Amino acid sequence: MVIFKYEMKNYRKYILVWAAALAVCIFSMTPVYYSMMNSAGAGGNALFETLGSSDFFQTVGMSMDYLTTPLGIYSFLTSFFALAAGIFGMHFGISIHTREFSGKTSEYLYTKPHTRGEIFRAKAWTVFCGTLIVGLAYLLSSLLTLLLFQPGFDWWEFFLISLSLFFVALIFAAMGLLAGVWFSNNRNPLLTAGLAIFTEYCITSFSRVVGNRAIGFLSPFSFFGAAEISRNHFYEMSYVVWYFVLLAVCLLAAYRIFLKKDIPFRS
């Protein structure tokens, strides 16, 4: 508990800045996109036909028809804000471990009266709570935005779409914990997180364009497609099962590596 409180205090500003940034972005951008789509619809169908004939919306897991539904724009924006959430989660997970090595505080931490298991669990809970705060801020801001500008939406579908951002951030946070424990001397965790998220997003886009679901299992961005949520009113179960398997594997692997990892002490 002592380590958890200390880490939450250290990362408090970092978490709140990310939460506020995502909340402000979804609140400010959603009505703008609704206005654009309404104007295009009132002026004719040229824009819809042009966009609908392209493969762009296929890469983000939705059709042009779905985009014109009450939750279409929101899910479209969420698919892009999930990129930012993924970077936040992975960077958080990596840096909470690597800063002990880059800041040369690992010796101090490991000589305190706490076991390695306690240290890892405290750091993992810090990452989880930070990710949860960001996800809740996004959900509440999204709810307020849609109530103001697009009432009459499907509440369950909205909840699933909004919750998908939290799930994406959480799985990348778990991957970040594993990467941070494995490569503790990483001097640029933000660059690592950005490159990893970009690669995963490209994998998802490729799998959707070629229509190969097997490739989609390689990227968490594939697990919570808006089209599947709209069609089934839930996530695709095969992806959900694989998601929790992957989450458990990352956390257990990070935990085992952390328990056995050699720590370079200064003489």
Protein backbone atom coordinates (compact mmCIF):
# COMPACT_ATOMS: atom_id res chain seq x y z
CA MET A 1 0.00 0.00 0.00
CA VAL A 2 2.90 2.36 0.76
CA ILE A 3 4.41 1.85 -2.68
CA PHE A 4 1.00 2.15 -4.35
CA LYS A 5 0.29 5.49 -2.66
CA TYR A 6 3.76 6.73 -3.53
CA GLU A 7 3.43 5.76 -7.20
CA MET A 8 -0.08 7.25 -7.48
CA LYS A 9 1.23 10.50 -6.04
CA ASN A 10 4.13 10.56 -8.48
CA TYR A 11 1.93 9.84 -11.50
CA ARG A 12 -1.09 11.86 -10.41
CA LYS A 13 -0.39 14.77 -12.74
CA TYR A 14 0.44 12.44 -15.64
CA ILE A 15 -2.84 10.57 -15.25
CA LEU A 16 -4.99 13.68 -14.85
CA VAL A 17 -3.44 15.37 -17.90
CA TRP A 18 -4.20 12.35 -20.10
CA ALA A 19 -7.72 12.04 -18.67
CA ALA A 20 -8.45 15.71 -19.24
CA ALA A 21 -6.96 15.69 -22.74
CA LEU A 22 -9.09 12.76 -23.95
CA ALA A 23 -12.20 14.14 -22.25
CA VAL A 24 -11.78 17.57 -23.85
CA CYS A 25 -11.01 16.07 -27.28
CA ILE A 26 -14.14 13.91 -27.43
CA PHE A 27 -16.32 16.71 -26.07
CA SER A 28 -15.05 19.28 -28.57
CA MET A 29 -14.72 17.13 -31.69
CA THR A 30 -17.95 15.13 -31.60
CA PRO A 31 -20.36 18.05 -32.26
CA VAL A 32 -18.07 19.32 -35.03
CA TYR A 33 -18.26 15.99 -36.86
CA TYR A 34 -22.01 15.75 -36.35
CA SER A 35 -22.37 19.20 -37.85
CA MET A 36 -20.22 18.24 -40.84
CA MET A 37 -22.19 15.07 -41.53
CA ASN A 38 -25.55 16.84 -41.16
CA SER A 39 -24.45 19.56 -43.56
CA ALA A 40 -23.26 16.99 -46.06
CA GLY A 41 -26.54 15.09 -45.78
CA ALA A 42 -28.60 18.23 -46.26
CA GLY A 43 -26.57 19.35 -49.26
CA GLY A 44 -26.65 16.08 -51.14
CA ASN A 45 -25.20 12.59 -51.13
CA ALA A 46 -21.98 13.27 -53.06
CA LEU A 47 -19.82 13.20 -49.95
CA PHE A 48 -21.43 10.01 -48.70
CA GLU A 49 -21.02 8.27 -52.05
CA THR A 50 -17.38 9.32 -52.37
CA LEU A 51 -16.42 8.21 -48.88
CA GLY A 52 -18.55 5.10 -49.01
CA SER A 53 -16.80 3.82 -52.14
CA SER A 54 -13.34 4.08 -50.52
CA ASP A 55 -11.61 1.51 -48.30
CA PHE A 56 -10.88 4.04 -45.58
CA PHE A 57 -13.78 3.18 -43.30
CA GLN A 58 -13.07 -0.50 -43.73
CA THR A 59 -9.67 0.06 -42.06
CA VAL A 60 -11.38 1.45 -38.94
CA GLY A 61 -13.95 -1.35 -38.80
CA MET A 62 -17.13 0.36 -39.94
CA SER A 63 -19.24 1.09 -43.00
CA MET A 64 -20.51 4.39 -44.32
CA ASP A 65 -24.05 3.36 -43.40
CA TYR A 66 -23.04 2.88 -39.78
CA LEU A 67 -21.26 6.23 -39.78
CA THR A 68 -24.59 7.97 -40.38
CA THR A 69 -26.23 6.37 -37.33
CA PRO A 70 -26.40 8.26 -33.99
CA LEU A 71 -23.35 6.42 -32.62
CA GLY A 72 -21.45 6.20 -35.90
CA ILE A 73 -19.46 9.39 -35.50
CA TYR A 74 -18.75 8.63 -31.86
CA SER A 75 -17.39 5.16 -32.63
CA PHE A 76 -15.37 6.60 -35.52
CA LEU A 77 -13.70 9.14 -33.20
CA THR A 78 -13.22 6.56 -30.48
CA SER A 79 -11.30 4.32 -32.88
CA PHE A 80 -8.74 7.12 -33.27
CA PHE A 81 -8.67 8.19 -29.64
CA ALA A 82 -7.95 4.54 -28.84
CA LEU A 83 -4.55 5.17 -30.45
CA ALA A 84 -3.84 7.86 -27.87
CA ALA A 85 -5.18 5.64 -25.08
CA GLY A 86 -2.91 2.82 -26.25
CA ILE A 87 0.13 5.10 -26.19
CA PHE A 88 -0.82 6.25 -22.70
CA GLY A 89 -1.24 2.70 -21.42
CA MET A 90 1.94 1.28 -22.92
CA HIS A 91 4.07 4.29 -21.97
CA PHE A 92 2.69 4.15 -18.43
CA GLY A 93 3.42 0.44 -18.12
CA ILE A 94 6.95 0.76 -19.49
CA SER A 95 8.02 3.89 -17.65
CA ILE A 96 6.83 2.81 -14.20
CA HIS A 97 9.60 0.19 -14.28
CA THR A 98 12.28 1.73 -16.47
CA ARG A 99 12.46 4.95 -14.45
CA GLU A 100 13.81 2.92 -11.52
CA PHE A 101 16.81 2.03 -13.68
CA SER A 102 17.24 5.28 -15.59
CA GLY A 103 16.87 7.25 -12.35
CA LYS A 104 19.19 4.82 -10.52
CA THR A 105 16.68 4.30 -7.73
CA SER A 106 16.39 0.53 -8.13
CA GLU A 107 18.99 -0.13 -5.43
CA TYR A 108 17.10 2.01 -2.93
CA LEU A 109 13.76 0.41 -3.82
CA TYR A 110 15.01 -3.17 -3.61
CA THR A 111 16.75 -2.73 -0.26
CA LYS A 112 13.56 -1.51 1.46
CA PRO A 113 11.55 -4.01 3.53
CA HIS A 114 9.24 -5.01 0.67
CA THR A 115 9.28 -8.19 -1.38
CA ARG A 116 9.57 -8.12 -5.14
CA GLY A 117 6.03 -9.43 -5.40
CA GLU A 118 4.73 -6.50 -3.36
CA ILE A 119 6.64 -4.04 -5.51
CA PHE A 120 5.33 -5.48 -8.76
CA ARG A 121 1.73 -5.69 -7.56
CA ALA A 122 1.82 -2.10 -6.31
CA LYS A 123 3.13 -0.85 -9.64
CA ALA A 124 0.64 -2.95 -11.60
CA TRP A 125 -2.26 -1.63 -9.49
CA THR A 126 -1.02 1.91 -10.06
CA VAL A 127 -1.10 1.38 -13.81
CA PHE A 128 -4.54 -0.23 -13.61
CA CYS A 129 -6.01 2.58 -11.51
CA GLY A 130 -4.50 5.24 -13.76
CA THR A 131 -5.91 3.53 -16.83
CA LEU A 132 -9.30 3.21 -15.14
CA ILE A 133 -9.35 6.93 -14.32
CA VAL A 134 -8.60 7.84 -17.93
CA GLY A 135 -11.28 5.43 -19.17
CA LEU A 136 -13.90 6.80 -16.77
CA ALA A 137 -13.09 10.39 -17.73
CA TYR A 138 -13.54 9.50 -21.39
CA LEU A 139 -16.83 7.67 -20.73
CA LEU A 140 -18.34 10.51 -18.68
CA SER A 141 -17.27 13.18 -21.16
CA SER A 142 -18.66 11.08 -24.02
CA LEU A 143 -21.96 10.62 -22.21
CA LEU A 144 -22.30 14.35 -21.58
CA THR A 145 -21.43 15.13 -25.21
CA LEU A 146 -23.99 12.74 -26.69
CA LEU A 147 -26.72 13.81 -24.29
CA LEU A 148 -26.17 17.42 -25.36
CA PHE A 149 -25.69 16.97 -29.09
CA GLN A 150 -27.09 13.57 -30.10
CA PRO A 151 -29.78 12.33 -27.68
CA GLY A 152 -31.75 9.15 -28.31
CA PHE A 153 -28.79 6.81 -28.76
CA ASP A 154 -28.57 3.16 -27.75
CA TRP A 155 -27.22 3.19 -24.21
CA TRP A 156 -25.82 -0.37 -24.23
CA GLU A 157 -24.07 0.11 -27.54
CA PHE A 158 -22.63 3.41 -26.32
CA PHE A 159 -21.32 1.75 -23.17
CA LEU A 160 -19.60 -1.00 -25.16
CA ILE A 161 -17.97 1.47 -27.55
CA SER A 162 -16.78 3.73 -24.76
CA LEU A 163 -15.54 0.83 -22.66
CA SER A 164 -13.50 -0.45 -25.60
CA LEU A 165 -11.11 2.50 -25.18
CA PHE A 166 -10.42 1.43 -21.60
CA PHE A 167 -9.87 -2.17 -22.66
CA VAL A 168 -7.41 -1.12 -25.36
CA ALA A 169 -5.48 1.07 -22.92
CA LEU A 170 -5.45 -1.75 -20.35
CA ILE A 171 -4.06 -4.45 -22.65
CA PHE A 172 -1.34 -2.12 -23.89
CA ALA A 173 -0.58 -1.19 -20.29
CA ALA A 174 -0.07 -4.90 -19.54
CA MET A 175 2.19 -5.19 -22.57
CA GLY A 176 4.03 -2.11 -21.34
CA LEU A 177 4.58 -3.71 -17.93
CA LEU A 178 6.07 -6.75 -19.64
CA ALA A 179 8.27 -4.62 -21.89
CA GLY A 180 9.35 -2.43 -18.97
CA VAL A 181 10.38 -5.42 -16.89
CA TRP A 182 12.08 -7.19 -19.77
CA PHE A 183 13.95 -4.17 -21.16
CA SER A 184 14.50 -2.14 -18.02
CA ASN A 185 17.25 0.00 -19.52
CA ASN A 186 14.94 1.53 -22.12
CA ARG A 187 15.82 5.23 -22.24
CA ASN A 188 12.91 6.32 -24.43
CA PRO A 189 9.69 4.57 -23.40
CA LEU A 190 7.48 7.10 -25.21
CA LEU A 191 9.13 6.35 -28.56
CA THR A 192 8.85 2.63 -27.90
CA ALA A 193 5.16 2.98 -27.07
CA GLY A 194 4.46 5.13 -30.13
CA LEU A 195 6.16 2.71 -32.53
CA ALA A 196 4.40 -0.29 -30.99
CA ILE A 197 0.97 1.33 -31.19
CA PHE A 198 1.50 2.44 -34.79
CA THR A 199 2.57 -1.09 -35.76
CA GLU A 200 -0.44 -2.66 -34.05
CA TYR A 201 -2.82 -0.23 -35.73
CA CYS A 202 -1.31 -1.02 -39.14
CA ILE A 203 -1.80 -4.73 -38.48
CA THR A 204 -5.48 -4.17 -37.69
CA SER A 205 -6.00 -2.02 -40.78
CA PHE A 206 -4.31 -4.63 -42.96
CA SER A 207 -6.37 -7.50 -41.53
CA ARG A 208 -9.62 -5.61 -42.20
CA VAL A 209 -8.70 -4.64 -45.74
CA VAL A 210 -7.68 -8.17 -46.75
CA GLY A 211 -10.55 -9.69 -44.74
CA ASN A 212 -8.32 -12.02 -42.72
CA ARG A 213 -9.55 -12.38 -39.11
CA ALA A 214 -6.55 -14.49 -38.09
CA ILE A 215 -4.23 -11.53 -38.59
CA GLY A 216 -6.52 -9.47 -36.38
CA PHE A 217 -5.61 -11.62 -33.37
CA LEU A 218 -2.15 -10.03 -33.49
CA SER A 219 -3.48 -6.58 -32.62
CA PRO A 220 -5.74 -5.43 -29.74
CA PHE A 221 -7.25 -2.78 -32.01
CA SER A 222 -9.05 -5.58 -33.83
CA PHE A 223 -10.81 -6.87 -30.75
CA PHE A 224 -13.46 -4.17 -30.37
CA GLY A 225 -14.68 -3.24 -33.84
CA ALA A 226 -17.66 -0.89 -33.99
CA ALA A 227 -19.34 -2.94 -36.73
CA GLU A 228 -19.38 -6.07 -34.54
CA ILE A 229 -20.71 -4.09 -31.57
CA SER A 230 -23.52 -2.63 -33.68
CA ARG A 231 -24.41 -5.96 -35.26
CA ASN A 232 -24.19 -8.24 -32.20
CA HIS A 233 -24.70 -5.72 -29.40
CA PHE A 234 -21.60 -7.17 -27.82
CA TYR A 235 -17.94 -7.78 -28.58
CA GLU A 236 -16.92 -10.74 -30.71
CA MET A 237 -16.47 -13.59 -28.24
CA SER A 238 -13.42 -15.16 -29.87
CA TYR A 239 -11.60 -11.85 -29.56
CA VAL A 240 -12.82 -11.36 -25.97
CA VAL A 241 -11.47 -14.75 -24.90
CA TRP A 242 -8.15 -14.10 -26.62
CA TYR A 243 -8.02 -10.63 -25.02
CA PHE A 244 -8.19 -11.98 -21.47
CA VAL A 245 -5.76 -14.79 -22.28
CA LEU A 246 -3.29 -12.25 -23.65
CA LEU A 247 -3.82 -9.96 -20.66
CA ALA A 248 -3.16 -12.78 -18.20
CA VAL A 249 -0.08 -14.00 -20.11
CA CYS A 250 1.47 -10.51 -20.17
CA LEU A 251 0.89 -9.93 -16.45
CA LEU A 252 2.07 -13.38 -15.36
CA ALA A 253 5.14 -13.24 -17.61
CA ALA A 254 6.04 -9.77 -16.34
CA TYR A 255 5.59 -10.94 -12.75
CA ARG A 256 7.82 -14.00 -13.16
CA ILE A 257 10.53 -12.05 -14.97
CA PHE A 258 10.42 -9.35 -12.31
CA LEU A 259 10.89 -11.88 -9.51
CA LYS A 260 13.99 -13.38 -11.15
CA LYS A 261 15.52 -10.33 -12.81
CA ASP A 262 19.04 -9.34 -11.79
CA ILE A 263 19.31 -5.78 -10.51
CA PRO A 264 22.62 -3.93 -11.14
CA PHE A 265 23.63 -2.53 -7.76
CA ARG A 266 26.21 0.22 -7.53
CA SER A 267 29.36 -0.50 -5.58
